[in-house]
C-alpha cells in the first residue's frame, strides 16, 4: 500500500541520518529531494525527532505558477 501511495501521489518518502542527510528517497516527487536547497533548516526538527517526537512543518517554495506549499513530516525510527 505504501508503495502505491509513494508512486501515485505528489509525495516523497525519505530516510535521513542524524545529520539530516538523505540516505534513501522514493516517490513521484523525487525531484523535490534534488531541490532540497529550498527546504528550511531541518536541524532543529531533527533534534526533536531524535528525542522521540513526530514533527510537522510547512513552507513555501517556488515562484509564480510554480509556487507550492510543502509539508514535511519527520518521525523517529522506532525499530
N, C-alpha and C. Protein backbone atom coordinates (compact mmCIF):
# COMPACT_ATOMS: atom_id res chain seq x y z
N UNK A 1 0.82 -1.19 0.00
CA UNK A 1 0.00 0.00 0.00
C UNK A 1 0.87 1.26 0.00
N UNK A 2 1.92 1.28 0.84
CA UNK A 2 2.80 2.45 0.88
C UNK A 2 3.44 2.68 -0.47
N UNK A 3 3.86 1.63 -1.12
CA UNK A 3 4.48 1.72 -2.44
C UNK A 3 3.52 2.37 -3.44
N UNK A 4 2.26 1.98 -3.40
CA UNK A 4 1.23 2.54 -4.28
C UNK A 4 1.07 4.04 -4.03
N UNK A 5 1.03 4.45 -2.77
CA UNK A 5 0.90 5.87 -2.44
C UNK A 5 2.11 6.67 -2.89
N UNK A 6 3.30 6.15 -2.62
CA UNK A 6 4.52 6.87 -2.99
C UNK A 6 4.64 7.08 -4.49
N UNK A 7 4.18 6.13 -5.26
CA UNK A 7 4.32 6.23 -6.71
C UNK A 7 3.21 7.03 -7.38
N UNK A 8 2.07 7.23 -6.71
CA UNK A 8 0.94 7.86 -7.38
C UNK A 8 0.48 9.18 -6.78
N UNK A 9 0.96 9.55 -5.63
CA UNK A 9 0.62 10.84 -5.04
C UNK A 9 1.83 11.77 -5.14
N UNK A 10 1.60 13.08 -5.12
CA UNK A 10 2.75 14.00 -5.19
C UNK A 10 3.47 14.09 -3.85
N UNK A 11 4.11 12.97 -3.48
CA UNK A 11 4.81 12.88 -2.20
C UNK A 11 6.17 12.23 -2.41
N UNK A 12 7.00 12.34 -1.39
CA UNK A 12 8.27 11.64 -1.39
C UNK A 12 8.51 11.14 0.04
N UNK A 13 9.00 9.95 0.17
CA UNK A 13 9.37 9.40 1.47
C UNK A 13 10.88 9.28 1.52
N UNK A 14 11.47 9.76 2.60
CA UNK A 14 12.94 9.75 2.73
C UNK A 14 13.35 9.10 4.04
N UNK A 15 14.53 8.54 4.03
CA UNK A 15 15.19 8.08 5.24
C UNK A 15 16.43 8.95 5.40
N UNK A 16 16.55 9.59 6.57
CA UNK A 16 17.65 10.52 6.82
C UNK A 16 18.52 10.02 7.96
N UNK A 17 19.79 10.44 7.94
CA UNK A 17 20.65 10.11 9.07
C UNK A 17 20.54 11.22 10.13
N UNK A 18 21.27 11.08 11.21
CA UNK A 18 21.17 12.03 12.32
C UNK A 18 21.70 13.41 11.96
N UNK A 19 22.45 13.53 10.88
CA UNK A 19 22.96 14.82 10.44
C UNK A 19 22.02 15.49 9.43
N UNK A 20 20.91 14.82 9.09
CA UNK A 20 19.95 15.38 8.16
C UNK A 20 20.23 15.06 6.70
N UNK A 21 21.20 14.20 6.43
CA UNK A 21 21.48 13.81 5.05
C UNK A 21 20.48 12.75 4.61
N UNK A 22 20.00 12.87 3.39
CA UNK A 22 19.04 11.90 2.86
C UNK A 22 19.80 10.66 2.42
N UNK A 23 19.44 9.52 3.00
CA UNK A 23 20.10 8.26 2.68
C UNK A 23 19.35 7.52 1.58
N UNK A 24 18.04 7.69 1.55
CA UNK A 24 17.20 6.97 0.59
C UNK A 24 15.94 7.79 0.39
N UNK A 25 15.45 7.86 -0.85
CA UNK A 25 14.18 8.53 -1.10
C UNK A 25 13.44 7.81 -2.20
N UNK A 26 12.12 7.83 -2.09
CA UNK A 26 11.26 7.20 -3.09
C UNK A 26 9.98 7.99 -3.19
N UNK A 27 9.42 8.02 -4.37
CA UNK A 27 8.14 8.68 -4.58
C UNK A 27 8.10 9.48 -5.86
N UNK A 28 6.89 9.88 -6.24
CA UNK A 28 6.70 10.58 -7.50
C UNK A 28 7.22 12.01 -7.45
N UNK A 29 7.46 12.56 -6.28
CA UNK A 29 8.02 13.91 -6.15
C UNK A 29 9.51 13.84 -5.83
N UNK A 30 10.20 12.85 -6.33
CA UNK A 30 11.62 12.68 -6.05
C UNK A 30 12.46 13.88 -6.43
N UNK A 31 12.00 14.64 -7.44
CA UNK A 31 12.77 15.82 -7.83
C UNK A 31 12.80 16.85 -6.70
N UNK A 32 11.83 16.79 -5.78
CA UNK A 32 11.83 17.72 -4.65
C UNK A 32 13.06 17.49 -3.78
N UNK A 33 13.48 16.25 -3.67
CA UNK A 33 14.68 15.94 -2.87
C UNK A 33 15.88 16.62 -3.50
N UNK A 34 15.93 16.66 -4.84
CA UNK A 34 17.03 17.33 -5.52
C UNK A 34 17.03 18.83 -5.25
N UNK A 35 15.86 19.41 -5.00
CA UNK A 35 15.73 20.84 -4.73
C UNK A 35 15.74 21.12 -3.23
N UNK A 36 16.47 20.33 -2.50
CA UNK A 36 16.49 20.42 -1.05
C UNK A 36 17.00 21.78 -0.57
N UNK A 37 17.69 22.53 -1.42
CA UNK A 37 18.19 23.84 -1.03
C UNK A 37 17.04 24.77 -0.62
N UNK A 38 15.83 24.51 -1.14
CA UNK A 38 14.67 25.32 -0.79
C UNK A 38 14.08 24.92 0.56
N UNK A 39 14.49 23.81 1.10
CA UNK A 39 13.94 23.34 2.36
C UNK A 39 14.40 24.22 3.50
N UNK A 40 13.59 24.33 4.56
CA UNK A 40 14.06 25.06 5.74
C UNK A 40 15.16 24.24 6.44
N UNK A 41 15.89 24.89 7.32
CA UNK A 41 16.92 24.19 8.08
C UNK A 41 16.23 23.16 8.98
N UNK A 42 16.50 21.90 8.73
CA UNK A 42 15.82 20.84 9.48
C UNK A 42 16.54 20.45 10.76
N UNK A 43 17.66 21.09 11.07
CA UNK A 43 18.44 20.70 12.24
C UNK A 43 17.61 20.74 13.53
N UNK A 44 16.83 21.81 13.72
CA UNK A 44 16.04 21.90 14.95
C UNK A 44 14.96 20.84 14.98
N UNK A 45 14.43 20.50 13.80
CA UNK A 45 13.41 19.45 13.75
C UNK A 45 14.01 18.09 14.05
N UNK A 46 15.21 17.85 13.52
CA UNK A 46 15.88 16.57 13.74
C UNK A 46 16.18 16.35 15.22
N UNK A 47 16.56 17.42 15.92
CA UNK A 47 16.81 17.29 17.36
C UNK A 47 15.56 16.81 18.09
N UNK A 48 14.40 17.35 17.72
CA UNK A 48 13.15 16.94 18.35
C UNK A 48 12.81 15.48 18.01
N UNK A 49 13.04 15.10 16.76
CA UNK A 49 12.76 13.72 16.34
C UNK A 49 13.66 12.75 17.09
N UNK A 50 14.93 13.11 17.27
CA UNK A 50 15.85 12.24 17.99
C UNK A 50 15.45 12.07 19.45
N UNK A 51 14.66 13.01 19.98
CA UNK A 51 14.12 12.88 21.34
C UNK A 51 12.83 12.06 21.35
N UNK A 52 12.38 11.61 20.16
CA UNK A 52 11.20 10.75 20.09
C UNK A 52 9.92 11.42 19.62
N UNK A 53 9.97 12.71 19.27
CA UNK A 53 8.78 13.42 18.82
C UNK A 53 8.55 13.22 17.33
N UNK A 54 7.30 13.36 16.90
CA UNK A 54 6.96 13.47 15.49
C UNK A 54 6.79 14.96 15.21
N UNK A 55 7.41 15.44 14.15
CA UNK A 55 7.44 16.87 13.86
C UNK A 55 6.82 17.15 12.49
N UNK A 56 6.07 18.24 12.39
CA UNK A 56 5.45 18.66 11.14
C UNK A 56 5.77 20.13 10.91
N UNK A 57 6.12 20.49 9.67
CA UNK A 57 6.29 21.90 9.32
C UNK A 57 5.82 22.11 7.90
N UNK A 58 5.46 23.35 7.59
CA UNK A 58 5.05 23.74 6.24
C UNK A 58 5.93 24.89 5.79
N UNK A 59 6.21 24.95 4.49
CA UNK A 59 6.98 26.06 3.93
C UNK A 59 6.60 26.23 2.47
N UNK A 60 6.88 27.40 1.93
CA UNK A 60 6.60 27.69 0.53
C UNK A 60 7.88 27.60 -0.28
N UNK A 61 7.75 27.10 -1.50
CA UNK A 61 8.89 27.05 -2.41
C UNK A 61 8.41 27.43 -3.80
N UNK A 62 9.33 27.86 -4.63
CA UNK A 62 9.00 28.25 -5.99
C UNK A 62 8.40 29.64 -6.07
N UNK A 63 8.16 30.07 -7.31
CA UNK A 63 7.58 31.39 -7.54
C UNK A 63 6.53 31.31 -8.64
N UNK A 64 5.62 32.25 -8.62
CA UNK A 64 4.61 32.33 -9.67
C UNK A 64 3.77 31.07 -9.75
N UNK A 65 3.62 30.56 -10.97
CA UNK A 65 2.80 29.36 -11.19
C UNK A 65 3.41 28.11 -10.56
N UNK A 66 4.70 28.16 -10.26
CA UNK A 66 5.38 27.00 -9.65
C UNK A 66 5.43 27.08 -8.13
N UNK A 67 4.82 28.09 -7.55
CA UNK A 67 4.82 28.24 -6.09
C UNK A 67 4.00 27.12 -5.47
N UNK A 68 4.55 26.49 -4.46
CA UNK A 68 3.90 25.37 -3.77
C UNK A 68 4.06 25.51 -2.26
N UNK A 69 3.09 25.01 -1.54
CA UNK A 69 3.22 24.87 -0.10
C UNK A 69 3.65 23.43 0.13
N UNK A 70 4.79 23.25 0.75
CA UNK A 70 5.33 21.92 1.03
C UNK A 70 5.13 21.60 2.50
N UNK A 71 4.95 20.35 2.78
CA UNK A 71 4.85 19.89 4.16
C UNK A 71 5.93 18.84 4.40
N UNK A 72 6.50 18.90 5.56
CA UNK A 72 7.48 17.88 5.96
C UNK A 72 6.99 17.26 7.27
N UNK A 73 6.93 15.96 7.28
CA UNK A 73 6.62 15.19 8.50
C UNK A 73 7.87 14.38 8.81
N UNK A 74 8.38 14.54 9.98
CA UNK A 74 9.53 13.76 10.43
C UNK A 74 9.10 12.92 11.63
N UNK A 75 9.40 11.65 11.57
CA UNK A 75 9.04 10.79 12.70
C UNK A 75 10.23 9.89 13.02
N UNK A 76 10.37 9.56 14.30
CA UNK A 76 11.52 8.73 14.69
C UNK A 76 11.37 7.30 14.19
N UNK A 77 12.50 6.68 13.95
CA UNK A 77 12.52 5.26 13.61
C UNK A 77 12.44 4.49 14.92
N UNK A 78 11.34 3.84 15.15
CA UNK A 78 11.12 3.15 16.42
C UNK A 78 11.52 1.69 16.39
N UNK A 79 12.12 1.26 15.27
CA UNK A 79 12.51 -0.16 15.20
C UNK A 79 13.87 -0.39 15.79
